Amino acid sequence: MNRTHRFTVPAEQSGTRLDRCLADLHGKWSRSRVRRLIDDQQVRVNNRPGKPAMTVEAGDVIEVSEPPPAPLDLAAEDIPLDVIYEDDELLVINKPAGLVIHPAAGNPSGTLVNALLAHCDDLSGIGGAERPGIVHRLDKDTSGLLVVAKTESAHHGLSLAFKRRNVDKRYLAVCYGVPAEMDGFVEAPIDRHPSERQRMGVVVGGRQARTLYEVQKSMAGAAVLLCKPVTGRTHQIRVHMAHMGHALVGDPLYAGRQWRNLADPRHVVACRDFPRQALHAARLGFTHPVRNVPMDFESEPPEDIRKLIEVLES
């Protein structure tokens, strides 16, 4: 049975596109999810069919008929998990690079969700049949800390905390070059790249995005950064660092061949052959959604990033 959602456009959203406005008003729907709903004629504005690019005005009434998620045939798989904390409500894992979060067309199995279904007694349907327990994501080749909900109450509380930006996320990154300022921020709107759909980019009219950064180490032609994304856009740190001229080492989408600019041949080889973006979710802090106590976790960078930094320091 479809679930009906009803929104009234607030004054601050007046003049914006329908798809962007609806994604902002709901808070948990991505722009792509909203567009699918619109294309499937599940969205009406003032009782008329909606179009993704149509402009909405203050007071307009948006009605959405949301079909239930089509369940995937998810199988529990005995995939080892590095669990650093667990209780009855949630668990925090240290995700390795290369592990996909949830099944999709290109990754039907071998994902974190498959591993979670084997690890937890009853995770089915928590937060939706397609992505049980998942409240936030890390890119496939980003390593580090991830929190997973085991109950509906934990899922709701954690989702709300992420939406309200009450979660402290810090990422360790290795970038090309050394920023001129030892600490600063990047504030630039992010949206899907207009022609290359796998990429995001700084796009005029995109969603507001802000990233704080601090230089931890300066090296010859590279730096170690601690980045704090204030917002949570797709590929945000990777896009923002590339935008300021300091793309992450190994980034297949945004770095290009910047290793050619390094003076030391050993540094060239280390950066050229690094197999992923050098990005690690090193710290995760939040208030427990049920017990209401502060939780704070840290994760040292994995061996590949440690070795990369060792070479660049030598």
Protein backbone atom coordinates (compact mmCIF):
# COMPACT_ATOMS: atom_id res chain seq x y z
CA MET A 1 0.00 0.00 0.00
CA ASN A 2 1.32 3.42 -0.94
CA ARG A 3 2.18 5.93 1.78
CA THR A 4 0.95 9.50 1.25
CA HIS A 5 3.12 12.49 2.15
CA ARG A 6 1.82 16.08 2.12
CA PHE A 7 4.04 19.18 2.24
CA THR A 8 3.34 22.89 2.10
CA VAL A 9 6.14 24.88 0.48
CA PRO A 10 7.65 27.31 3.03
CA ALA A 11 8.68 30.86 2.12
CA GLU A 12 12.39 30.02 2.08
CA GLN A 13 11.80 27.39 -0.66
CA SER A 14 9.82 29.73 -2.91
CA GLY A 15 11.25 29.87 -6.42
CA THR A 16 13.18 26.58 -6.20
CA ARG A 17 12.86 23.51 -8.42
CA LEU A 18 10.33 20.91 -7.37
CA ASP A 19 12.85 18.06 -7.15
CA ARG A 20 15.27 20.05 -4.98
CA CYS A 21 12.49 21.45 -2.78
CA LEU A 22 10.96 18.02 -2.18
CA ALA A 23 14.33 16.44 -1.34
CA ASP A 24 14.94 19.22 1.20
CA LEU A 25 11.47 19.01 2.73
CA HIS A 26 11.53 15.25 3.20
CA GLY A 27 15.15 15.12 4.34
CA LYS A 28 15.75 11.42 3.64
CA TRP A 29 15.03 11.27 -0.09
CA SER A 30 17.86 11.85 -2.54
CA ARG A 31 17.28 13.98 -5.61
CA SER A 32 17.41 10.84 -7.76
CA ARG A 33 14.75 9.19 -5.57
CA VAL A 34 12.54 12.28 -5.88
CA ARG A 35 12.97 12.34 -9.66
CA ARG A 36 11.94 8.69 -9.92
CA LEU A 37 8.79 9.45 -7.93
CA ILE A 38 8.02 12.41 -10.19
CA ASP A 39 8.71 10.43 -13.37
CA ASP A 40 6.42 7.67 -12.07
CA GLN A 41 3.66 10.30 -11.67
CA GLN A 42 3.57 9.89 -7.91
CA VAL A 43 3.98 13.63 -7.22
CA ARG A 44 1.31 16.31 -7.58
CA VAL A 45 1.57 20.04 -6.97
CA ASN A 46 -1.71 21.79 -6.19
CA ASN A 47 -3.41 18.62 -7.47
CA ARG A 48 -1.60 18.72 -10.82
CA PRO A 49 1.18 16.37 -12.01
CA GLY A 50 4.63 17.62 -11.05
CA LYS A 51 7.70 18.05 -13.26
CA PRO A 52 11.26 17.88 -11.84
CA ALA A 53 12.31 21.34 -13.05
CA MET A 54 9.07 23.18 -12.36
CA THR A 55 9.29 26.09 -9.92
CA VAL A 56 7.31 25.95 -6.70
CA GLU A 57 6.08 28.92 -4.73
CA ALA A 58 5.36 29.51 -1.04
CA GLY A 59 2.05 27.93 -0.07
CA ASP A 60 2.01 25.35 -2.87
CA VAL A 61 0.82 21.94 -1.69
CA ILE A 62 2.91 18.95 -2.74
CA GLU A 63 1.42 15.47 -2.40
CA VAL A 64 3.53 12.36 -2.83
CA SER A 65 2.25 8.81 -3.11
CA GLU A 66 5.23 6.68 -2.09
CA PRO A 67 5.10 3.02 -3.10
CA PRO A 68 6.56 0.52 -0.63
CA PRO A 69 10.14 -0.45 -1.45
CA ALA A 70 10.43 -3.46 -3.71
CA PRO A 71 12.30 -5.87 -1.45
CA LEU A 72 15.56 -7.24 -2.74
CA ASP A 73 16.29 -10.89 -2.31
CA LEU A 74 18.92 -10.23 0.34
CA ALA A 75 20.94 -13.18 1.55
CA ALA A 76 22.89 -13.32 4.79
CA GLU A 77 26.57 -13.88 4.03
CA ASP A 78 29.33 -14.80 6.45
CA ILE A 79 31.57 -11.82 5.71
CA PRO A 80 33.92 -10.79 8.55
CA LEU A 81 33.14 -7.47 10.19
CA ASP A 82 35.48 -5.35 12.28
CA VAL A 83 32.99 -4.44 15.02
CA ILE A 84 34.42 -1.92 17.46
CA TYR A 85 31.23 -1.37 19.48
CA GLU A 86 27.87 -3.11 19.75
CA ASP A 87 24.82 -3.06 22.01
CA ASP A 88 21.14 -3.97 21.60
CA GLU A 89 20.38 -0.83 19.58
CA LEU A 90 23.33 -0.23 17.28
CA LEU A 91 26.80 -1.23 16.24
CA VAL A 92 29.83 0.69 14.99
CA ILE A 93 32.11 -0.97 12.47
CA ASN A 94 35.46 -0.15 10.92
CA LYS A 95 34.71 -0.58 7.21
CA PRO A 96 37.56 -1.72 4.96
CA ALA A 97 38.13 -0.11 1.58
CA GLY A 98 36.45 -2.08 -1.18
CA LEU A 99 33.33 -3.07 0.76
CA VAL A 100 30.10 -1.82 -0.84
CA ILE A 101 27.41 -0.71 1.63
CA HIS A 102 24.27 -2.22 0.11
CA PRO A 103 23.31 -4.46 -2.84
CA ALA A 104 22.57 -2.85 -6.19
CA ALA A 105 22.58 -3.85 -9.83
CA GLY A 106 26.37 -3.98 -10.07
CA ASN A 107 26.90 -5.48 -6.60
CA PRO A 108 24.14 -8.01 -5.86
CA SER A 109 26.07 -9.68 -3.03
CA GLY A 110 29.18 -9.41 -0.89
CA THR A 111 28.05 -6.12 0.65
CA LEU A 112 27.94 -4.72 4.16
CA VAL A 113 24.18 -5.35 4.28
CA ASN A 114 24.71 -9.03 3.45
CA ALA A 115 27.27 -9.23 6.25
CA LEU A 116 24.97 -7.44 8.71
CA LEU A 117 22.11 -9.84 8.01
CA ALA A 118 24.39 -12.69 9.09
CA HIS A 119 25.77 -10.81 12.09
CA CYS A 120 22.48 -9.52 13.57
CA ASP A 121 19.58 -11.70 14.66
CA ASP A 122 16.82 -9.52 13.19
CA LEU A 123 17.72 -6.62 10.97
CA SER A 124 15.10 -7.24 8.29
CA GLY A 125 13.23 -4.11 7.26
CA ILE A 126 14.77 -1.72 9.80
CA GLY A 127 14.92 1.55 7.91
CA GLY A 128 13.53 -0.07 4.73
CA ALA A 129 13.74 -3.47 3.11
CA GLU A 130 16.42 -2.43 0.63
CA ARG A 131 18.92 -0.94 3.10
CA PRO A 132 18.21 -2.45 6.50
CA GLY A 133 19.93 -0.63 9.36
CA ILE A 134 21.82 1.82 7.15
CA VAL A 135 21.66 5.45 8.28
CA HIS A 136 24.69 6.86 6.44
CA ARG A 137 27.18 5.72 3.84
CA LEU A 138 30.84 5.62 2.98
CA ASP A 139 31.97 5.30 -0.62
CA LYS A 140 33.07 1.80 -1.60
CA ASP A 141 36.77 2.72 -1.49
CA THR A 142 36.61 4.95 1.59
CA SER A 143 37.55 3.14 4.80
CA GLY A 144 36.62 3.87 8.38
CA LEU A 145 33.87 4.28 10.94
CA LEU A 146 30.21 3.59 10.22
CA VAL A 147 27.26 3.31 12.62
CA VAL A 148 24.41 0.87 11.90
CA ALA A 149 20.98 0.81 13.57
CA LYS A 150 19.67 -2.51 14.92
CA THR A 151 16.22 -1.27 15.98
CA GLU A 152 13.62 1.10 14.52
CA SER A 153 14.03 3.51 17.45
CA ALA A 154 17.79 3.67 16.92
CA HIS A 155 17.32 4.12 13.17
CA HIS A 156 14.91 7.01 13.69
CA GLY A 157 17.13 8.71 16.28
CA LEU A 158 20.33 8.36 14.27
CA SER A 159 18.65 9.50 11.04
CA LEU A 160 17.39 12.58 12.83
CA ALA A 161 20.86 13.29 14.24
CA PHE A 162 22.41 13.13 10.77
CA LYS A 163 19.67 15.32 9.33
CA ARG A 164 20.18 17.93 12.05
CA ARG A 165 23.97 17.74 11.66
CA ASN A 166 24.44 16.58 15.24
CA VAL A 167 26.98 13.91 14.27
CA ASP A 168 30.70 14.69 14.47
CA LYS A 169 32.44 13.14 11.46
CA ARG A 170 36.18 13.64 10.84
CA TYR A 171 38.08 12.22 7.89
CA LEU A 172 41.80 11.78 7.39
CA ALA A 173 42.80 12.54 3.80
CA VAL A 174 46.04 12.65 1.83
CA CYS A 175 45.95 15.33 -0.86
CA TYR A 176 48.21 16.63 -3.59
CA GLY A 177 49.98 19.87 -2.68
CA VAL A 178 49.78 21.80 0.59
CA PRO A 179 46.92 24.27 1.12
CA ALA A 180 48.04 27.87 1.58
CA GLU A 181 46.06 28.12 4.82
CA MET A 182 46.84 25.57 7.54
CA ASP A 183 43.16 25.50 8.48
CA GLY A 184 40.18 26.78 6.61
CA PHE A 185 37.02 25.78 4.81
CA VAL A 186 35.55 25.21 1.40
CA GLU A 187 32.00 26.41 0.78
CA ALA A 188 30.71 25.62 -2.70
CA PRO A 189 27.43 24.09 -3.95
CA ILE A 190 27.53 20.46 -5.08
CA ASP A 191 25.31 18.63 -7.53
CA ARG A 192 25.49 15.90 -10.14
CA HIS A 193 27.95 16.72 -12.92
CA PRO A 194 25.91 17.94 -15.91
CA SER A 195 27.48 15.53 -18.42
CA GLU A 196 29.37 12.85 -16.44
CA ARG A 197 26.73 11.15 -14.32
CA GLN A 198 29.18 9.18 -12.14
CA ARG A 199 30.76 12.41 -10.95
CA MET A 200 29.59 15.16 -8.67
CA GLY A 201 30.85 18.70 -9.08
CA VAL A 202 30.71 22.27 -7.88
CA VAL A 203 27.63 23.43 -9.78
CA VAL A 204 25.92 26.83 -9.71
CA GLY A 205 22.52 26.26 -8.15
CA GLY A 206 23.61 23.00 -6.53
CA ARG A 207 22.99 22.05 -2.92
CA GLN A 208 24.80 24.11 -0.31
CA ALA A 209 27.91 22.32 0.98
CA ARG A 210 30.62 23.25 3.47
CA THR A 211 33.79 21.38 4.47
CA LEU A 212 36.24 22.40 7.20
CA TYR A 213 39.85 21.23 6.96
CA GLU A 214 43.05 21.35 8.99
CA VAL A 215 46.54 20.49 7.73
CA GLN A 216 48.00 17.76 9.96
CA LYS A 217 51.27 17.22 8.05
CA SER A 218 53.00 19.10 5.25
CA MET A 219 55.15 17.01 2.94
CA ALA A 220 56.95 17.47 -0.37
CA GLY A 221 54.09 17.89 -2.83
CA ALA A 222 51.41 16.47 -0.54
CA ALA A 223 49.66 16.96 2.79
CA VAL A 224 47.70 15.03 5.38
CA LEU A 225 44.40 16.74 6.17
CA LEU A 226 41.74 16.30 8.82
CA CYS A 227 38.43 17.16 7.15
CA LYS A 228 35.06 17.80 8.76
CA PRO A 229 32.08 17.85 6.40
CA VAL A 230 29.48 20.19 7.88
CA THR A 231 26.96 19.06 5.29
CA GLY A 232 26.67 15.55 3.88
CA ARG A 233 26.70 15.71 0.10
CA THR A 234 27.78 12.80 -2.10
CA HIS A 235 31.59 12.80 -2.58
CA GLN A 236 31.70 16.10 -0.68
CA ILE A 237 35.29 16.00 0.63
CA ARG A 238 36.62 14.63 -2.66
CA VAL A 239 34.84 17.31 -4.71
CA HIS A 240 35.73 20.20 -2.40
CA MET A 241 39.40 19.29 -2.13
CA ALA A 242 39.67 18.96 -5.91
CA HIS A 243 37.85 22.27 -6.30
CA MET A 244 40.47 24.04 -4.19
CA GLY A 245 43.27 22.46 -6.21
CA HIS A 246 44.20 19.70 -3.76
CA ALA A 247 42.57 16.51 -5.04
CA LEU A 248 42.99 13.37 -2.97
CA VAL A 249 45.76 10.95 -3.88
CA GLY A 250 44.38 7.94 -5.75
CA ASP A 251 40.98 9.48 -6.46
CA PRO A 252 39.84 7.91 -9.75
CA LEU A 253 37.17 10.53 -10.42
CA TYR A 254 38.67 13.84 -9.35
CA ALA A 255 42.48 13.62 -9.17
CA GLY A 256 43.65 12.98 -12.72
CA ARG A 257 47.41 12.41 -13.07
CA GLN A 258 48.68 14.91 -10.53
CA TRP A 259 51.36 12.42 -9.45
CA ARG A 260 53.30 13.60 -12.53
CA ASN A 261 54.00 16.90 -10.76
CA LEU A 262 55.87 15.28 -7.85
CA ALA A 263 59.65 15.70 -7.83
CA ASP A 264 60.70 12.51 -6.03
CA PRO A 265 60.37 9.33 -8.16
CA ARG A 266 59.45 7.31 -5.07
CA HIS A 267 56.58 9.70 -4.36
CA VAL A 268 55.46 9.46 -7.97
CA VAL A 269 55.25 5.67 -7.79
CA ALA A 270 53.51 5.66 -4.39
CA CYS A 271 50.81 8.10 -5.54
CA ARG A 272 50.44 6.74 -9.07
CA ASP A 273 49.93 3.18 -7.80
CA PHE A 274 47.70 4.01 -4.82
CA PRO A 275 44.54 2.04 -5.66
CA ARG A 276 41.83 4.21 -4.12
CA GLN A 277 41.06 7.67 -2.85
CA ALA A 278 43.23 8.24 0.25
CA LEU A 279 40.28 8.95 2.53
CA HIS A 280 39.52 7.38 5.91
CA ALA A 281 36.63 8.07 8.31
CA ALA A 282 38.78 8.49 11.41
CA ARG A 283 36.34 9.80 14.00
CA LEU A 284 32.62 9.43 14.67
CA GLY A 285 30.80 11.08 17.54
CA PHE A 286 27.08 11.13 18.32
CA THR A 287 24.58 10.89 21.15
CA HIS A 288 23.22 7.39 21.66
CA PRO A 289 19.69 7.54 20.20
CA VAL A 290 18.13 5.45 23.00
CA ARG A 291 20.40 5.81 26.05
CA ASN A 292 21.06 9.52 25.44
CA VAL A 293 24.75 9.29 26.33
CA PRO A 294 27.65 10.66 24.25
CA MET A 295 29.47 8.14 22.06
CA ASP A 296 32.84 8.86 20.51
CA PHE A 297 34.97 6.54 18.37
CA GLU A 298 38.32 6.85 16.64
CA SER A 299 39.99 4.67 14.03
CA GLU A 300 43.63 4.72 13.01
CA PRO A 301 44.23 4.85 9.24
CA PRO A 302 44.65 1.43 7.60
CA GLU A 303 47.98 0.06 6.45
CA ASP A 304 47.77 1.33 2.87
CA ILE A 305 47.33 4.97 3.94
CA ARG A 306 49.98 4.62 6.66
CA LYS A 307 52.51 3.31 4.14
CA LEU A 308 51.61 6.06 1.67
CA ILE A 309 52.28 8.73 4.31
CA GLU A 310 55.56 7.05 5.31
CA VAL A 311 56.83 7.20 1.72
CA LEU A 312 55.72 10.80 1.22
CA GLU A 313 57.43 11.83 4.47
CA SER A 314 60.76 10.23 3.49
